[in-house]
Amino acid sequence: MKKTFVVAIAAGLASLSACNSSPREQAADRIESNTEAVADNLEDAADNVDNEAAEDRLENKADAVRATGQNQAEDMRTNDPDTNLSNGI
């Protein structure tokens, strides 16, 4: 419940901050928000697993998803999509 509340607050703040930002910044914010939600879901799933190894794998996957989202969002903010194919556009 606490994580859901935090995600909802983050989404609300992201929507408010999107009012004065560029489309690229908005896209980067959406990338971060979406990957954060996926990572939170993976961590919730890890909390519900009885197997220690499976829990570790899920938590590692959550960390990887979060890091990938942050990297993609930063790439979106800093690189021109017309000249840099590393951001997937």
PDB file of N, CA and C in Angstrom:
ATOM      1  N   MET A   1       0.818  -1.181   0.000  1.00  0.00           N
ATOM      2  CA  MET A   1       0.000   0.000   0.000  1.00  0.00           C
ATOM      3  C   MET A   1       0.868   1.253   0.000  1.00  0.00           C
ATOM      4  N   LYS A   2       1.946   1.209   0.794  1.00  0.00           N
ATOM      5  CA  LYS A   2       2.829   2.361   0.892  1.00  0.00           C
ATOM      6  C   LYS A   2       3.490   2.651  -0.453  1.00  0.00           C
ATOM      7  N   LYS A   3       3.931   1.593  -1.145  1.00  0.00           N
ATOM      8  CA  LYS A   3       4.580   1.785  -2.444  1.00  0.00           C
ATOM      9  C   LYS A   3       3.598   2.313  -3.478  1.00  0.00           C
ATOM     10  N   THR A   4       2.368   1.841  -3.426  1.00  0.00           N
ATOM     11  CA  THR A   4       1.351   2.325  -4.356  1.00  0.00           C
ATOM     12  C   THR A   4       1.110   3.809  -4.138  1.00  0.00           C
ATOM     13  N   PHE A   5       1.078   4.222  -2.883  1.00  0.00           N
ATOM     14  CA  PHE A   5       0.890   5.631  -2.564  1.00  0.00           C
ATOM     15  C   PHE A   5       2.050   6.462  -3.101  1.00  0.00           C
ATOM     16  N   VAL A   6       3.280   5.970  -2.926  1.00  0.00           N
ATOM     17  CA  VAL A   6       4.458   6.688  -3.409  1.00  0.00           C
ATOM     18  C   VAL A   6       4.424   6.803  -4.933  1.00  0.00           C
ATOM     19  N   VAL A   7       4.059   5.729  -5.615  1.00  0.00           N
ATOM     20  CA  VAL A   7       3.972   5.760  -7.081  1.00  0.00           C
ATOM     21  C   VAL A   7       2.893   6.747  -7.522  1.00  0.00           C
ATOM     22  N   ALA A   8       1.768   6.769  -6.816  1.00  0.00           N
ATOM     23  CA  ALA A   8       0.692   7.702  -7.160  1.00  0.00           C
ATOM     24  C   ALA A   8       1.137   9.142  -6.963  1.00  0.00           C
ATOM     25  N   ILE A   9       1.844   9.402  -5.885  1.00  0.00           N
ATOM     26  CA  ILE A   9       2.360  10.754  -5.632  1.00  0.00           C
ATOM     27  C   ILE A   9       3.372  11.131  -6.707  1.00  0.00           C
ATOM     28  N   ALA A  10       4.258  10.204  -7.053  1.00  0.00           N
ATOM     29  CA  ALA A  10       5.258  10.476  -8.088  1.00  0.00           C
ATOM     30  C   ALA A  10       4.589  10.763  -9.424  1.00  0.00           C
ATOM     31  N   ALA A  11       3.562  10.008  -9.747  1.00  0.00           N
ATOM     32  CA  ALA A  11       2.847  10.238 -11.007  1.00  0.00           C
ATOM     33  C   ALA A  11       2.169  11.606 -10.992  1.00  0.00           C
ATOM     34  N   GLY A  12       1.594  11.972  -9.861  1.00  0.00           N
ATOM     35  CA  GLY A  12       0.954  13.280  -9.748  1.00  0.00           C
ATOM     36  C   GLY A  12       1.952  14.415  -9.888  1.00  0.00           C
ATOM     37  N   LEU A  13       3.102  14.272  -9.235  1.00  0.00           N
ATOM     38  CA  LEU A  13       4.131  15.298  -9.358  1.00  0.00           C
ATOM     39  C   LEU A  13       4.691  15.367 -10.774  1.00  0.00           C
ATOM     40  N   ALA A  14       4.833  14.217 -11.402  1.00  0.00           N
ATOM     41  CA  ALA A  14       5.316  14.188 -12.779  1.00  0.00           C
ATOM     42  C   ALA A  14       4.330  14.889 -13.709  1.00  0.00           C
ATOM     43  N   SER A  15       3.047  14.693 -13.466  1.00  0.00           N
ATOM     44  CA  SER A  15       2.059  15.352 -14.329  1.00  0.00           C
ATOM     45  C   SER A  15       2.061  16.854 -14.109  1.00  0.00           C
ATOM     46  N   LEU A  16       2.278  17.293 -12.874  1.00  0.00           N
ATOM     47  CA  LEU A  16       2.353  18.728 -12.619  1.00  0.00           C
ATOM     48  C   LEU A  16       3.615  19.338 -13.219  1.00  0.00           C
ATOM     49  N   SER A  17       4.714  18.635 -13.117  1.00  0.00           N
ATOM     50  CA  SER A  17       5.964  19.161 -13.663  1.00  0.00           C
ATOM     51  C   SER A  17       5.972  19.113 -15.186  1.00  0.00           C
ATOM     52  N   ALA A  18       5.110  18.313 -15.770  1.00  0.00           N
ATOM     53  CA  ALA A  18       5.065  18.193 -17.229  1.00  0.00           C
ATOM     54  C   ALA A  18       4.468  19.432 -17.889  1.00  0.00           C
ATOM     55  N   CYS A  19       3.824  20.277 -17.134  1.00  0.00           N
ATOM     56  CA  CYS A  19       3.175  21.456 -17.703  1.00  0.00           C
ATOM     57  C   CYS A  19       4.163  22.386 -18.402  1.00  0.00           C
ATOM     58  N   ASN A  20       5.356  22.518 -17.852  1.00  0.00           N
ATOM     59  CA  ASN A  20       6.321  23.465 -18.408  1.00  0.00           C
ATOM     60  C   ASN A  20       7.544  22.789 -19.001  1.00  0.00           C
ATOM     61  N   SER A  21       7.445  21.530 -19.374  1.00  0.00           N
ATOM     62  CA  SER A  21       8.612  20.849 -19.907  1.00  0.00           C
ATOM     63  C   SER A  21       8.397  20.462 -21.370  1.00  0.00           C
ATOM     64  N   SER A  22       9.512  20.192 -22.024  1.00  0.00           N
ATOM     65  CA  SER A  22       9.489  19.844 -23.443  1.00  0.00           C
ATOM     66  C   SER A  22       8.928  18.442 -23.640  1.00  0.00           C
ATOM     67  N   PRO A  23       8.532  18.115 -24.867  1.00  0.00           N
ATOM     68  CA  PRO A  23       8.061  16.753 -25.138  1.00  0.00           C
ATOM     69  C   PRO A  23       9.116  15.688 -24.826  1.00  0.00           C
ATOM     70  N   ARG A  24      10.380  16.005 -25.069  1.00  0.00           N
ATOM     71  CA  ARG A  24      11.445  15.043 -24.753  1.00  0.00           C
ATOM     72  C   ARG A  24      11.552  14.835 -23.248  1.00  0.00           C
ATOM     73  N   GLU A  25      11.429  15.908 -22.477  1.00  0.00           N
ATOM     74  CA  GLU A  25      11.476  15.788 -21.025  1.00  0.00           C
ATOM     75  C   GLU A  25      10.267  15.010 -20.515  1.00  0.00           C
ATOM     76  N   GLN A  26       9.116  15.239 -21.102  1.00  0.00           N
ATOM     77  CA  GLN A  26       7.918  14.504 -20.719  1.00  0.00           C
ATOM     78  C   GLN A  26       8.071  13.019 -21.024  1.00  0.00           C
ATOM     79  N   ALA A  27       8.649  12.712 -22.186  1.00  0.00           N
ATOM     80  CA  ALA A  27       8.881  11.306 -22.542  1.00  0.00           C
ATOM     81  C   ALA A  27       9.865  10.662 -21.565  1.00  0.00           C
ATOM     82  N   ALA A  28      10.906  11.384 -21.199  1.00  0.00           N
ATOM     83  CA  ALA A  28      11.878  10.861 -20.244  1.00  0.00           C
ATOM     84  C   ALA A  28      11.218  10.624 -18.885  1.00  0.00           C
ATOM     85  N   ASP A  29      10.362  11.539 -18.474  1.00  0.00           N
ATOM     86  CA  ASP A  29       9.640  11.363 -17.209  1.00  0.00           C
ATOM     87  C   ASP A  29       8.732  10.141 -17.249  1.00  0.00           C
ATOM     88  N   ARG A  30       8.079   9.926 -18.384  1.00  0.00           N
ATOM     89  CA  ARG A  30       7.206   8.748 -18.519  1.00  0.00           C
ATOM     90  C   ARG A  30       8.020   7.461 -18.477  1.00  0.00           C
ATOM     91  N   ILE A  31       9.183   7.464 -19.107  1.00  0.00           N
ATOM     92  CA  ILE A  31      10.059   6.288 -19.066  1.00  0.00           C
ATOM     93  C   ILE A  31      10.425   5.971 -17.617  1.00  0.00           C
ATOM     94  N   GLU A  32      10.850   6.985 -16.880  1.00  0.00           N
ATOM     95  CA  GLU A  32      11.224   6.770 -15.484  1.00  0.00           C
ATOM     96  C   GLU A  32      10.042   6.291 -14.650  1.00  0.00           C
ATOM     97  N   SER A  33       8.900   6.904 -14.855  1.00  0.00           N
ATOM     98  CA  SER A  33       7.713   6.535 -14.086  1.00  0.00           C
ATOM     99  C   SER A  33       7.297   5.090 -14.366  1.00  0.00           C
ATOM    100  N   ASN A  34       7.291   4.714 -15.634  1.00  0.00           N
ATOM    101  CA  ASN A  34       6.878   3.358 -16.008  1.00  0.00           C
ATOM    102  C   ASN A  34       7.850   2.305 -15.497  1.00  0.00           C
ATOM    103  N   THR A  35       9.137   2.551 -15.644  1.00  0.00           N
ATOM    104  CA  THR A  35      10.104   1.555 -15.184  1.00  0.00           C
ATOM    105  C   THR A  35      10.128   1.476 -13.662  1.00  0.00           C
ATOM    106  N   GLU A  36       9.879   2.587 -12.995  1.00  0.00           N
ATOM    107  CA  GLU A  36       9.797   2.568 -11.534  1.00  0.00           C
ATOM    108  C   GLU A  36       8.607   1.724 -11.079  1.00  0.00           C
ATOM    109  N   ALA A  37       7.489   1.842 -11.777  1.00  0.00           N
ATOM    110  CA  ALA A  37       6.308   1.045 -11.433  1.00  0.00           C
ATOM    111  C   ALA A  37       6.567  -0.443 -11.655  1.00  0.00           C
ATOM    112  N   VAL A  38       7.245  -0.781 -12.752  1.00  0.00           N
ATOM    113  CA  VAL A  38       7.575  -2.186 -13.023  1.00  0.00           C
ATOM    114  C   VAL A  38       8.520  -2.715 -11.940  1.00  0.00           C
ATOM    115  N   ALA A  39       9.523  -1.916 -11.592  1.00  0.00           N
ATOM    116  CA  ALA A  39      10.473  -2.340 -10.562  1.00  0.00           C
ATOM    117  C   ALA A  39       9.768  -2.528  -9.218  1.00  0.00           C
ATOM    118  N   ASP A  40       8.855  -1.633  -8.885  1.00  0.00           N
ATOM    119  CA  ASP A  40       8.099  -1.775  -7.637  1.00  0.00           C
ATOM    120  C   ASP A  40       7.263  -3.049  -7.645  1.00  0.00           C
ATOM    121  N   ASN A  41       6.661  -3.371  -8.779  1.00  0.00           N
ATOM    122  CA  ASN A  41       5.881  -4.609  -8.881  1.00  0.00           C
ATOM    123  C   ASN A  41       6.767  -5.837  -8.711  1.00  0.00           C
ATOM    124  N   LEU A  42       7.966  -5.797  -9.278  1.00  0.00           N
ATOM    125  CA  LEU A  42       8.896  -6.913  -9.114  1.00  0.00           C
ATOM    126  C   LEU A  42       9.314  -7.065  -7.652  1.00  0.00           C
ATOM    127  N   GLU A  43       9.542  -5.948  -6.975  1.00  0.00           N
ATOM    128  CA  GLU A  43       9.907  -6.017  -5.560  1.00  0.00           C
ATOM    129  C   GLU A  43       8.749  -6.539  -4.718  1.00  0.00           C
ATOM    130  N   ASP A  44       7.532  -6.147  -5.056  1.00  0.00           N
ATOM    131  CA  ASP A  44       6.366  -6.683  -4.353  1.00  0.00           C
ATOM    132  C   ASP A  44       6.254  -8.192  -4.560  1.00  0.00           C
ATOM    133  N   ALA A  45       6.510  -8.635  -5.788  1.00  0.00           N
ATOM    134  CA  ALA A  45       6.474 -10.071  -6.076  1.00  0.00           C
ATOM    135  C   ALA A  45       7.569 -10.799  -5.285  1.00  0.00           C
ATOM    136  N   ALA A  46       8.734 -10.168  -5.172  1.00  0.00           N
ATOM    137  CA  ALA A  46       9.829 -10.773  -4.408  1.00  0.00           C
ATOM    138  C   ALA A  46       9.452 -10.924  -2.941  1.00  0.00           C
ATOM    139  N   ASP A  47       8.706  -9.972  -2.414  1.00  0.00           N
ATOM    140  CA  ASP A  47       8.275 -10.049  -1.020  1.00  0.00           C
ATOM    141  C   ASP A  47       7.303 -11.198  -0.780  1.00  0.00           C
ATOM    142  N   ASN A  48       6.616 -11.631  -1.832  1.00  0.00           N
ATOM    143  CA  ASN A  48       5.606 -12.681  -1.694  1.00  0.00           C
ATOM    144  C   ASN A  48       6.123 -14.072  -2.034  1.00  0.00           C
ATOM    145  N   VAL A  49       7.417 -14.208  -2.326  1.00  0.00           N
ATOM    146  CA  VAL A  49       8.002 -15.499  -2.691  1.00  0.00           C
ATOM    147  C   VAL A  49       8.626 -16.129  -1.448  1.00  0.00           C
ATOM    148  N   ASP A  50       8.449 -17.439  -1.307  1.00  0.00           N
ATOM    149  CA  ASP A  50       9.008 -18.151  -0.162  1.00  0.00           C
ATOM    150  C   ASP A  50      10.462 -18.562  -0.386  1.00  0.00           C
ATOM    151  N   ASN A  51      10.865 -18.711  -1.632  1.00  0.00           N
ATOM    152  CA  ASN A  51      12.197 -19.178  -1.990  1.00  0.00           C
ATOM    153  C   ASN A  51      13.177 -18.002  -1.983  1.00  0.00           C
ATOM    154  N   GLU A  52      14.237 -18.118  -1.209  1.00  0.00           N
ATOM    155  CA  GLU A  52      15.240 -17.046  -1.086  1.00  0.00           C
ATOM    156  C   GLU A  52      15.916 -16.725  -2.420  1.00  0.00           C
ATOM    157  N   ALA A  53      16.253 -17.762  -3.191  1.00  0.00           N
ATOM    158  CA  ALA A  53      16.915 -17.544  -4.475  1.00  0.00           C
ATOM    159  C   ALA A  53      15.996 -16.822  -5.458  1.00  0.00           C
ATOM    160  N   ALA A  54      14.738 -17.202  -5.471  1.00  0.00           N
ATOM    161  CA  ALA A  54      13.777 -16.540  -6.357  1.00  0.00           C
ATOM    162  C   ALA A  54      13.575 -15.094  -5.932  1.00  0.00           C
ATOM    163  N   GLU A  55      13.561 -14.849  -4.637  1.00  0.00           N
ATOM    164  CA  GLU A  55      13.423 -13.482  -4.138  1.00  0.00           C
ATOM    165  C   GLU A  55      14.607 -12.621  -4.578  1.00  0.00           C
ATOM    166  N   ASP A  56      15.816 -13.169  -4.472  1.00  0.00           N
ATOM    167  CA  ASP A  56      17.011 -12.445  -4.900  1.00  0.00           C
ATOM    168  C   ASP A  56      16.980 -12.142  -6.396  1.00  0.00           C
ATOM    169  N   ARG A  57      16.546 -13.127  -7.187  1.00  0.00           N
ATOM    170  CA  ARG A  57      16.462 -12.916  -8.637  1.00  0.00           C
ATOM    171  C   ARG A  57      15.475 -11.801  -8.970  1.00  0.00           C
ATOM    172  N   LEU A  58      14.323 -11.799  -8.316  1.00  0.00           N
ATOM    173  CA  LEU A  58      13.330 -10.761  -8.572  1.00  0.00           C
ATOM    174  C   LEU A  58      13.828  -9.384  -8.148  1.00  0.00           C
ATOM    175  N   GLU A  59      14.512  -9.315  -7.023  1.00  0.00           N
ATOM    176  CA  GLU A  59      15.051  -8.035  -6.575  1.00  0.00           C
ATOM    177  C   GLU A  59      16.160  -7.544  -7.504  1.00  0.00           C
ATOM    178  N   ASN A  60      16.989  -8.460  -7.992  1.00  0.00           N
ATOM    179  CA  ASN A  60      18.026  -8.085  -8.965  1.00  0.00           C
ATOM    180  C   ASN A  60      17.404  -7.601 -10.264  1.00  0.00           C
ATOM    181  N   LYS A  61      16.330  -8.264 -10.689  1.00  0.00           N
ATOM    182  CA  LYS A  61      15.626  -7.848 -11.904  1.00  0.00           C
ATOM    183  C   LYS A  61      15.024  -6.452 -11.707  1.00  0.00           C
ATOM    184  N   ALA A  62      14.475  -6.192 -10.528  1.00  0.00           N
ATOM    185  CA  ALA A  62      13.922  -4.873 -10.231  1.00  0.00           C
ATOM    186  C   ALA A  62      15.007  -3.802 -10.304  1.00  0.00           C
ATOM    187  N   ASP A  63      16.167  -4.100  -9.752  1.00  0.00           N
ATOM    188  CA  ASP A  63      17.283  -3.153  -9.811  1.00  0.00           C
ATOM    189  C   ASP A  63      17.711  -2.899 -11.255  1.00  0.00           C
ATOM    190  N   ALA A  64      17.745  -3.968 -12.051  1.00  0.00           N
ATOM    191  CA  ALA A  64      18.138  -3.826 -13.465  1.00  0.00           C
ATOM    192  C   ALA A  64      17.118  -3.014 -14.248  1.00  0.00           C
ATOM    193  N   VAL A  65      15.838  -3.252 -13.996  1.00  0.00           N
ATOM    194  CA  VAL A  65      14.777  -2.496 -14.686  1.00  0.00           C
ATOM    195  C   VAL A  65      14.876  -1.023 -14.314  1.00  0.00           C
ATOM    196  N   ARG A  66      15.080  -0.748 -13.039  1.00  0.00           N
ATOM    197  CA  ARG A  66      15.184   0.641 -12.576  1.00  0.00           C
ATOM    198  C   ARG A  66      16.386   1.336 -13.222  1.00  0.00           C
ATOM    199  N   ALA A  67      17.531   0.662 -13.263  1.00  0.00           N
ATOM    200  CA  ALA A  67      18.735   1.240 -13.855  1.00  0.00           C
ATOM    201  C   ALA A  67      18.562   1.468 -15.352  1.00  0.00           C
ATOM    202  N   THR A  68      17.941   0.517 -16.035  1.00  0.00           N
ATOM    203  CA  THR A  68      17.706   0.668 -17.466  1.00  0.00           C
ATOM    204  C   THR A  68      16.792   1.860 -17.743  1.00  0.00           C
ATOM    205  N   GLY A  69      15.757   1.999 -16.951  1.00  0.00           N
ATOM    206  CA  GLY A  69      14.845   3.130 -17.124  1.00  0.00           C
ATOM    207  C   GLY A  69      15.536   4.459 -16.901  1.00  0.00           C
ATOM    208  N   GLN A  70      16.369   4.532 -15.879  1.00  0.00           N
ATOM    209  CA  GLN A  70      17.099   5.767 -15.621  1.00  0.00           C
ATOM    210  C   GLN A  70      18.064   6.084 -16.754  1.00  0.00           C
ATOM    211  N   ASN A  71      18.737   5.070 -17.270  1.00  0.00           N
ATOM    212  CA  ASN A  71      19.662   5.277 -18.385  1.00  0.00           C
ATOM    213  C   ASN A  71      18.928   5.727 -19.641  1.00  0.00           C
ATOM    214  N   GLN A  72      17.796   5.099 -19.938  1.00  0.00           N
ATOM    215  CA  GLN A  72      17.034   5.482 -21.125  1.00  0.00           C
ATOM    216  C   GLN A  72      16.477   6.897 -20.989  1.00  0.00           C
ATOM    217  N   ALA A  73      16.009   7.244 -19.813  1.00  0.00           N
ATOM    218  CA  ALA A  73      15.479   8.588 -19.595  1.00  0.00           C
ATOM    219  C   ALA A  73      16.588   9.625 -19.726  1.00  0.00           C
ATOM    220  N   GLU A  74      17.737   9.353 -19.161  1.00  0.00           N
ATOM    221  CA  GLU A  74      18.859  10.286 -19.271  1.00  0.00           C
ATOM    222  C   GLU A  74      19.302  10.429 -20.722  1.00  0.00           C
ATOM    223  N   ASP A  75      19.316   9.325 -21.445  1.00  0.00           N
ATOM    224  CA  ASP A  75      19.667   9.359 -22.863  1.00  0.00           C
ATOM    225  C   ASP A  75      18.652  10.195 -23.634  1.00  0.00           C
ATOM    226  N   MET A  76      17.390  10.073 -23.294  1.00  0.00           N
ATOM    227  CA  MET A  76      16.344  10.850 -23.949  1.00  0.00           C
ATOM    228  C   MET A  76      16.547  12.339 -23.689  1.00  0.00           C
ATOM    229  N   ARG A  77      16.957  12.684 -22.492  1.00  0.00           N
ATOM    230  CA  ARG A  77      17.142  14.097 -22.141  1.00  0.00           C
ATOM    231  C   ARG A  77      18.375  14.713 -22.787  1.00  0.00           C
ATOM    232  N   THR A  78      19.435  13.935 -22.943  1.00  0.00           N
ATOM    233  CA  THR A  78      20.721  14.517 -23.321  1.00  0.00           C
ATOM    234  C   THR A  78      21.111  14.339 -24.784  1.00  0.00           C
ATOM    235  N   ASN A  79      20.464  13.451 -25.502  1.00  0.00           N
ATOM    236  CA  ASN A  79      20.886  13.172 -26.871  1.00  0.00           C
ATOM    237  C   ASN A  79      19.807  13.527 -27.878  1.00  0.00           C
ATOM    238  N   ASP A  80      20.242  14.013 -29.008  1.00  0.00           N
ATOM    239  CA  ASP A  80      19.314  14.344 -30.089  1.00  0.00           C
ATOM    240  C   ASP A  80      18.846  13.050 -30.744  1.00  0.00           C
ATOM    241  N   PRO A  81      17.540  12.767 -30.735  1.00  0.00           N
ATOM    242  CA  PRO A  81      17.048  11.497 -31.287  1.00  0.00           C
ATOM    243  C   PRO A  81      17.282  11.352 -32.786  1.00  0.00           C
ATOM    244  N   ASP A  82      17.492  12.469 -33.484  1.00  0.00           N
ATOM    245  CA  ASP A  82      17.717  12.375 -34.929  1.00  0.00           C
ATOM    246  C   ASP A  82      19.137  11.930 -35.258  1.00  0.00           C
ATOM    247  N   THR A  83      20.071  12.113 -34.340  1.00  0.00           N
ATOM    248  CA  THR A  83      21.454  11.787 -34.632  1.00  0.00           C
ATOM    249  C   THR A  83      22.021  10.687 -33.759  1.00  0.00           C
ATOM    250  N   ASN A  84      21.278  10.209 -32.776  1.00  0.00           N
ATOM    251  CA  ASN A  84      21.787   9.201 -31.861  1.00  0.00           C
ATOM    252  C   ASN A  84      20.800   8.056 -31.773  1.00  0.00           C
ATOM    253  N   LEU A  85      21.182   6.906 -32.257  1.00  0.00           N
ATOM    254  CA  LEU A  85      20.274   5.765 -32.258  1.00  0.00           C
ATOM    255  C   LEU A  85      20.308   4.985 -30.953  1.00  0.00           C
ATOM    256  N   SER A  86      21.151   5.383 -30.009  1.00  0.00           N
ATOM    257  CA  SER A  86      21.231   4.620 -28.766  1.00  0.00           C
ATOM    258  C   SER A  86      19.993   4.768 -27.901  1.00  0.00           C
ATOM    259  N   ASN A  87      19.159   5.787 -28.151  1.00  0.00           N
ATOM    260  CA  ASN A  87      17.977   5.962 -27.317  1.00  0.00           C
ATOM    261  C   ASN A  87      16.765   5.236 -27.883  1.00  0.00           C
ATOM    262  N   GLY A  88      16.903   4.513 -28.974  1.00  0.00           N
ATOM    263  CA  GLY A  88      15.830   3.676 -29.484  1.00  0.00           C
ATOM    264  C   GLY A  88      14.785   4.390 -30.305  1.00  0.00           C
ATOM    265  N   ILE A  89      15.011   5.635 -30.631  1.00  0.00           N
ATOM    266  CA  ILE A  89      14.026   6.372 -31.444  1.00  0.00           C
ATOM    267  C   ILE A  89      14.485   6.404 -32.880  1.00  0.00           C
TER     268      ILE A  89
END
